[in-house]
């Protein structure tokens, strides 16, 4: 599979994943709003940085392989 095709597929996967991640973080975060502020802060720091960990294999796959030939 050429790199442009992989990038298109990976872009769609990333958009779907981030949509789910934002929805889940917002839903969980709204439940934490009634608790102590430090708990919500820790959660949102982890949620804000944690999205990159599951997407790392997708990003590596997207940039692997040969360039498109002209």
PDB file of N, CA and C in Angstrom:
ATOM      1  N   UNK A   1       0.850  -1.171   0.000  1.00  0.00           N
ATOM      2  CA  UNK A   1       0.000   0.000   0.000  1.00  0.00           C
ATOM      3  C   UNK A   1       0.901   1.242   0.000  1.00  0.00           C
ATOM      4  N   UNK A   2       0.550   2.207  -0.790  1.00  0.00           N
ATOM      5  CA  UNK A   2       1.382   3.405  -0.884  1.00  0.00           C
ATOM      6  C   UNK A   2       1.168   4.298   0.327  1.00  0.00           C
ATOM      7  N   UNK A   3       2.144   5.157   0.553  1.00  0.00           N
ATOM      8  CA  UNK A   3       2.089   6.048   1.706  1.00  0.00           C
ATOM      9  C   UNK A   3       0.879   6.984   1.668  1.00  0.00           C
ATOM     10  N   UNK A   4       0.516   7.569   0.529  1.00  0.00           N
ATOM     11  CA  UNK A   4      -0.678   8.429   0.527  1.00  0.00           C
ATOM     12  C   UNK A   4      -1.960   7.689   0.928  1.00  0.00           C
ATOM     13  N   UNK A   5      -2.105   6.441   0.522  1.00  0.00           N
ATOM     14  CA  UNK A   5      -3.281   5.667   0.919  1.00  0.00           C
ATOM     15  C   UNK A   5      -3.271   5.392   2.419  1.00  0.00           C
ATOM     16  N   UNK A   6      -2.074   5.042   2.932  1.00  0.00           N
ATOM     17  CA  UNK A   6      -1.964   4.800   4.380  1.00  0.00           C
ATOM     18  C   UNK A   6      -2.265   6.066   5.160  1.00  0.00           C
ATOM     19  N   UNK A   7      -1.814   7.208   4.665  1.00  0.00           N
ATOM     20  CA  UNK A   7      -2.076   8.468   5.358  1.00  0.00           C
ATOM     21  C   UNK A   7      -3.562   8.807   5.366  1.00  0.00           C
ATOM     22  N   UNK A   8      -4.251   8.533   4.291  1.00  0.00           N
ATOM     23  CA  UNK A   8      -5.689   8.779   4.235  1.00  0.00           C
ATOM     24  C   UNK A   8      -6.417   7.889   5.244  1.00  0.00           C
ATOM     25  N   UNK A   9      -6.095   6.606   5.242  1.00  0.00           N
ATOM     26  CA  UNK A   9      -6.732   5.675   6.178  1.00  0.00           C
ATOM     27  C   UNK A   9      -6.410   6.065   7.617  1.00  0.00           C
ATOM     28  N   UNK A  10      -5.152   6.365   7.886  1.00  0.00           N
ATOM     29  CA  UNK A  10      -4.749   6.731   9.247  1.00  0.00           C
ATOM     30  C   UNK A  10      -5.424   8.033   9.686  1.00  0.00           C
ATOM     31  N   UNK A  11      -5.582   8.974   8.782  1.00  0.00           N
ATOM     32  CA  UNK A  11      -6.255  10.228   9.134  1.00  0.00           C
ATOM     33  C   UNK A  11      -7.694   9.982   9.556  1.00  0.00           C
ATOM     34  N   UNK A  12      -8.372   9.105   8.845  1.00  0.00           N
ATOM     35  CA  UNK A  12      -9.748   8.779   9.215  1.00  0.00           C
ATOM     36  C   UNK A  12      -9.817   8.060  10.559  1.00  0.00           C
ATOM     37  N   UNK A  13      -8.881   7.139  10.779  1.00  0.00           N
ATOM     38  CA  UNK A  13      -8.833   6.426  12.061  1.00  0.00           C
ATOM     39  C   UNK A  13      -8.573   7.408  13.197  1.00  0.00           C
ATOM     40  N   UNK A  14      -7.663   8.336  12.996  1.00  0.00           N
ATOM     41  CA  UNK A  14      -7.330   9.317  14.026  1.00  0.00           C
ATOM     42  C   UNK A  14      -8.533  10.200  14.333  1.00  0.00           C
ATOM     43  N   UNK A  15      -9.240  10.660  13.308  1.00  0.00           N
ATOM     44  CA  UNK A  15     -10.417  11.509  13.530  1.00  0.00           C
ATOM     45  C   UNK A  15     -11.505  10.779  14.315  1.00  0.00           C
ATOM     46  N   UNK A  16     -11.760   9.526  13.960  1.00  0.00           N
ATOM     47  CA  UNK A  16     -12.776   8.753  14.682  1.00  0.00           C
ATOM     48  C   UNK A  16     -12.338   8.513  16.120  1.00  0.00           C
ATOM     49  N   UNK A  17     -11.084   8.125  16.296  1.00  0.00           N
ATOM     50  CA  UNK A  17     -10.579   7.863  17.643  1.00  0.00           C
ATOM     51  C   UNK A  17     -10.632   9.112  18.514  1.00  0.00           C
ATOM     52  N   UNK A  18     -10.199  10.255  17.969  1.00  0.00           N
ATOM     53  CA  UNK A  18     -10.203  11.485  18.760  1.00  0.00           C
ATOM     54  C   UNK A  18     -11.620  11.936  19.095  1.00  0.00           C
ATOM     55  N   UNK A  19     -12.556  11.727  18.180  1.00  0.00           N
ATOM     56  CA  UNK A  19     -13.949  12.037  18.496  1.00  0.00           C
ATOM     57  C   UNK A  19     -14.449  11.226  19.686  1.00  0.00           C
ATOM     58  N   UNK A  20     -14.141   9.926  19.669  1.00  0.00           N
ATOM     59  CA  UNK A  20     -14.507   9.079  20.799  1.00  0.00           C
ATOM     60  C   UNK A  20     -13.777   9.499  22.068  1.00  0.00           C
ATOM     61  N   UNK A  21     -12.486   9.799  21.956  1.00  0.00           N
ATOM     62  CA  UNK A  21     -11.676  10.166  23.120  1.00  0.00           C
ATOM     63  C   UNK A  21     -12.217  11.441  23.770  1.00  0.00           C
ATOM     64  N   UNK A  22     -12.555  12.430  22.957  1.00  0.00           N
ATOM     65  CA  UNK A  22     -13.078  13.688  23.489  1.00  0.00           C
ATOM     66  C   UNK A  22     -14.435  13.464  24.157  1.00  0.00           C
ATOM     67  N   UNK A  23     -15.277  12.665  23.511  1.00  0.00           N
ATOM     68  CA  UNK A  23     -16.575  12.362  24.105  1.00  0.00           C
ATOM     69  C   UNK A  23     -16.411  11.649  25.455  1.00  0.00           C
ATOM     70  N   UNK A  24     -15.545  10.645  25.502  1.00  0.00           N
ATOM     71  CA  UNK A  24     -15.338   9.880  26.730  1.00  0.00           C
ATOM     72  C   UNK A  24     -14.730  10.755  27.829  1.00  0.00           C
ATOM     73  N   UNK A  25     -13.737  11.568  27.479  1.00  0.00           N
ATOM     74  CA  UNK A  25     -13.101  12.432  28.478  1.00  0.00           C
ATOM     75  C   UNK A  25     -14.096  13.453  29.019  1.00  0.00           C
ATOM     76  N   UNK A  26     -14.913  14.010  28.147  1.00  0.00           N
ATOM     77  CA  UNK A  26     -15.920  14.963  28.602  1.00  0.00           C
ATOM     78  C   UNK A  26     -16.974  14.320  29.482  1.00  0.00           C
ATOM     79  N   UNK A  27     -17.402  13.121  29.127  1.00  0.00           N
ATOM     80  CA  UNK A  27     -18.406  12.421  29.925  1.00  0.00           C
ATOM     81  C   UNK A  27     -17.877  12.069  31.309  1.00  0.00           C
ATOM     82  N   UNK A  28     -16.669  11.528  31.324  1.00  0.00           N
ATOM     83  CA  UNK A  28     -16.066  11.176  32.621  1.00  0.00           C
ATOM     84  C   UNK A  28     -15.754  12.437  33.417  1.00  0.00           C
ATOM     85  N   UNK A  29     -15.235  13.458  32.739  1.00  0.00           N
ATOM     86  CA  UNK A  29     -14.892  14.701  33.423  1.00  0.00           C
ATOM     87  C   UNK A  29     -16.096  15.391  34.026  1.00  0.00           C
ATOM     88  N   UNK A  30     -17.245  15.310  33.373  1.00  0.00           N
ATOM     89  CA  UNK A  30     -18.436  15.939  33.944  1.00  0.00           C
ATOM     90  C   UNK A  30     -18.875  15.239  35.226  1.00  0.00           C
ATOM     91  N   UNK A  31     -18.606  13.956  35.326  1.00  0.00           N
ATOM     92  CA  UNK A  31     -18.924  13.231  36.558  1.00  0.00           C
ATOM     93  C   UNK A  31     -17.944  13.580  37.685  1.00  0.00           C
ATOM     94  N   UNK A  32     -16.741  13.989  37.308  1.00  0.00           N
ATOM     95  CA  UNK A  32     -15.742  14.348  38.316  1.00  0.00           C
ATOM     96  C   UNK A  32     -15.913  15.789  38.800  1.00  0.00           C
ATOM     97  N   UNK A  33     -16.787  16.548  38.172  1.00  0.00           N
ATOM     98  CA  UNK A  33     -16.942  17.967  38.518  1.00  0.00           C
ATOM     99  C   UNK A  33     -17.457  18.164  39.937  1.00  0.00           C
ATOM    100  N   UNK A  34     -18.191  17.203  40.455  1.00  0.00           N
ATOM    101  CA  UNK A  34     -18.730  17.338  41.814  1.00  0.00           C
ATOM    102  C   UNK A  34     -17.694  17.024  42.886  1.00  0.00           C
ATOM    103  N   UNK A  35     -16.627  16.391  42.531  1.00  0.00           N
ATOM    104  CA  UNK A  35     -15.601  16.001  43.490  1.00  0.00           C
ATOM    105  C   UNK A  35     -14.561  17.093  43.675  1.00  0.00           C
ATOM    106  N   UNK A  36     -13.480  16.753  44.324  1.00  0.00           N
ATOM    107  CA  UNK A  36     -12.408  17.727  44.535  1.00  0.00           C
ATOM    108  C   UNK A  36     -11.755  18.151  43.214  1.00  0.00           C
ATOM    109  N   UNK A  37     -11.316  19.393  43.178  1.00  0.00           N
ATOM    110  CA  UNK A  37     -10.738  19.954  41.953  1.00  0.00           C
ATOM    111  C   UNK A  37      -9.448  19.240  41.566  1.00  0.00           C
ATOM    112  N   UNK A  38      -8.663  18.785  42.540  1.00  0.00           N
ATOM    113  CA  UNK A  38      -7.404  18.126  42.215  1.00  0.00           C
ATOM    114  C   UNK A  38      -7.635  16.831  41.445  1.00  0.00           C
ATOM    115  N   UNK A  39      -8.741  16.145  41.735  1.00  0.00           N
ATOM    116  CA  UNK A  39      -9.038  14.896  41.026  1.00  0.00           C
ATOM    117  C   UNK A  39      -9.376  15.169  39.559  1.00  0.00           C
ATOM    118  N   UNK A  40     -10.167  16.196  39.322  1.00  0.00           N
ATOM    119  CA  UNK A  40     -10.498  16.568  37.941  1.00  0.00           C
ATOM    120  C   UNK A  40      -9.252  17.044  37.200  1.00  0.00           C
ATOM    121  N   UNK A  41      -8.391  17.791  37.879  1.00  0.00           N
ATOM    122  CA  UNK A  41      -7.170  18.277  37.255  1.00  0.00           C
ATOM    123  C   UNK A  41      -6.280  17.109  36.820  1.00  0.00           C
ATOM    124  N   UNK A  42      -6.080  16.152  37.691  1.00  0.00           N
ATOM    125  CA  UNK A  42      -5.262  14.985  37.356  1.00  0.00           C
ATOM    126  C   UNK A  42      -5.874  14.223  36.188  1.00  0.00           C
ATOM    127  N   UNK A  43      -7.197  14.040  36.213  1.00  0.00           N
ATOM    128  CA  UNK A  43      -7.855  13.321  35.135  1.00  0.00           C
ATOM    129  C   UNK A  43      -7.672  14.033  33.801  1.00  0.00           C
ATOM    130  N   UNK A  44      -7.892  15.350  33.762  1.00  0.00           N
ATOM    131  CA  UNK A  44      -7.807  16.057  32.491  1.00  0.00           C
ATOM    132  C   UNK A  44      -6.370  16.186  31.987  1.00  0.00           C
ATOM    133  N   UNK A  45      -5.398  16.203  32.870  1.00  0.00           N
ATOM    134  CA  UNK A  45      -4.002  16.180  32.419  1.00  0.00           C
ATOM    135  C   UNK A  45      -3.699  14.831  31.766  1.00  0.00           C
ATOM    136  N   UNK A  46      -4.127  13.758  32.409  1.00  0.00           N
ATOM    137  CA  UNK A  46      -3.901  12.426  31.834  1.00  0.00           C
ATOM    138  C   UNK A  46      -4.685  12.260  30.534  1.00  0.00           C
ATOM    139  N   UNK A  47      -5.926  12.691  30.517  1.00  0.00           N
ATOM    140  CA  UNK A  47      -6.743  12.568  29.303  1.00  0.00           C
ATOM    141  C   UNK A  47      -6.206  13.454  28.187  1.00  0.00           C
ATOM    142  N   UNK A  48      -5.683  14.614  28.536  1.00  0.00           N
ATOM    143  CA  UNK A  48      -5.152  15.522  27.533  1.00  0.00           C
ATOM    144  C   UNK A  48      -3.871  15.035  26.886  1.00  0.00           C
ATOM    145  N   UNK A  49      -3.079  14.309  27.622  1.00  0.00           N
ATOM    146  CA  UNK A  49      -1.826  13.784  27.083  1.00  0.00           C
ATOM    147  C   UNK A  49      -1.937  12.328  26.641  1.00  0.00           C
ATOM    148  N   UNK A  50      -2.908  11.615  27.174  1.00  0.00           N
ATOM    149  CA  UNK A  50      -2.998  10.175  26.960  1.00  0.00           C
ATOM    150  C   UNK A  50      -3.486   9.749  25.596  1.00  0.00           C
ATOM    151  N   UNK A  51      -4.051  10.629  24.818  1.00  0.00           N
ATOM    152  CA  UNK A  51      -4.569  10.233  23.501  1.00  0.00           C
ATOM    153  C   UNK A  51      -3.460   9.793  22.560  1.00  0.00           C
ATOM    154  N   UNK A  52      -2.251  10.284  22.755  1.00  0.00           N
ATOM    155  CA  UNK A  52      -1.160   9.980  21.826  1.00  0.00           C
ATOM    156  C   UNK A  52      -0.646   8.549  21.973  1.00  0.00           C
ATOM    157  N   UNK A  53      -0.775   7.982  23.150  1.00  0.00           N
ATOM    158  CA  UNK A  53      -0.237   6.636  23.387  1.00  0.00           C
ATOM    159  C   UNK A  53      -0.937   5.584  22.518  1.00  0.00           C
ATOM    160  N   UNK A  54      -2.272   5.521  22.492  1.00  0.00           N
ATOM    161  CA  UNK A  54      -2.899   4.515  21.645  1.00  0.00           C
ATOM    162  C   UNK A  54      -2.749   4.794  20.148  1.00  0.00           C
ATOM    163  N   UNK A  55      -2.481   6.040  19.777  1.00  0.00           N
ATOM    164  CA  UNK A  55      -2.347   6.371  18.359  1.00  0.00           C
ATOM    165  C   UNK A  55      -0.925   6.214  17.829  1.00  0.00           C
ATOM    166  N   UNK A  56       0.024   5.965  18.685  1.00  0.00           N
ATOM    167  CA  UNK A  56       1.410   5.822  18.250  1.00  0.00           C
ATOM    168  C   UNK A  56       1.593   4.753  17.165  1.00  0.00           C
ATOM    169  N   UNK A  57       1.002   3.543  17.313  1.00  0.00           N
ATOM    170  CA  UNK A  57       1.151   2.548  16.234  1.00  0.00           C
ATOM    171  C   UNK A  57       0.541   3.014  14.908  1.00  0.00           C
ATOM    172  N   UNK A  58      -0.558   3.730  14.966  1.00  0.00           N
ATOM    173  CA  UNK A  58      -1.188   4.233  13.736  1.00  0.00           C
ATOM    174  C   UNK A  58      -0.274   5.245  13.060  1.00  0.00           C
ATOM    175  N   UNK A  59       0.328   6.117  13.847  1.00  0.00           N
ATOM    176  CA  UNK A  59       1.221   7.125  13.279  1.00  0.00           C
ATOM    177  C   UNK A  59       2.475   6.486  12.687  1.00  0.00           C
ATOM    178  N   UNK A  60       3.000   5.471  13.333  1.00  0.00           N
ATOM    179  CA  UNK A  60       4.167   4.765  12.780  1.00  0.00           C
ATOM    180  C   UNK A  60       3.815   4.059  11.481  1.00  0.00           C
ATOM    181  N   UNK A  61       2.667   3.391  11.460  1.00  0.00           N
ATOM    182  CA  UNK A  61       2.235   2.681  10.261  1.00  0.00           C
ATOM    183  C   UNK A  61       2.006   3.652   9.104  1.00  0.00           C
ATOM    184  N   UNK A  62       1.447   4.797   9.430  1.00  0.00           N
ATOM    185  CA  UNK A  62       1.134   5.789   8.413  1.00  0.00           C
ATOM    186  C   UNK A  62       2.392   6.255   7.684  1.00  0.00           C
ATOM    187  N   UNK A  63       3.496   6.365   8.375  1.00  0.00           N
ATOM    188  CA  UNK A  63       4.731   6.883   7.783  1.00  0.00           C
ATOM    189  C   UNK A  63       5.698   5.790   7.348  1.00  0.00           C
ATOM    190  N   UNK A  64       5.323   4.541   7.464  1.00  0.00           N
ATOM    191  CA  UNK A  64       6.209   3.437   7.080  1.00  0.00           C
ATOM    192  C   UNK A  64       6.081   3.133   5.604  1.00  0.00           C
ATOM    193  N   UNK A  65       7.048   2.420   5.097  1.00  0.00           N
ATOM    194  CA  UNK A  65       6.967   1.940   3.726  1.00  0.00           C
ATOM    195  C   UNK A  65       7.522   2.922   2.712  1.00  0.00           C
ATOM    196  N   UNK A  66       7.454   2.529   1.450  1.00  0.00           N
ATOM    197  CA  UNK A  66       8.031   3.366   0.384  1.00  0.00           C
ATOM    198  C   UNK A  66       7.188   4.601   0.083  1.00  0.00           C
ATOM    199  N   UNK A  67       7.838   5.599  -0.435  1.00  0.00           N
ATOM    200  CA  UNK A  67       7.130   6.797  -0.912  1.00  0.00           C
ATOM    201  C   UNK A  67       6.331   6.442  -2.161  1.00  0.00           C
ATOM    202  N   UNK A  68       5.387   7.273  -2.481  1.00  0.00           N
ATOM    203  CA  UNK A  68       4.619   7.069  -3.716  1.00  0.00           C
ATOM    204  C   UNK A  68       5.508   7.309  -4.905  1.00  0.00           C
ATOM    205  N   UNK A  69       5.410   6.465  -5.907  1.00  0.00           N
ATOM    206  CA  UNK A  69       6.228   6.640  -7.106  1.00  0.00           C
ATOM    207  C   UNK A  69       5.458   7.457  -8.130  1.00  0.00           C
ATOM    208  N   UNK A  70       6.164   8.366  -8.791  1.00  0.00           N
ATOM    209  CA  UNK A  70       5.517   9.223  -9.795  1.00  0.00           C
ATOM    210  C   UNK A  70       5.684   8.652 -11.170  1.00  0.00           C
TER     211      UNK A  70
END
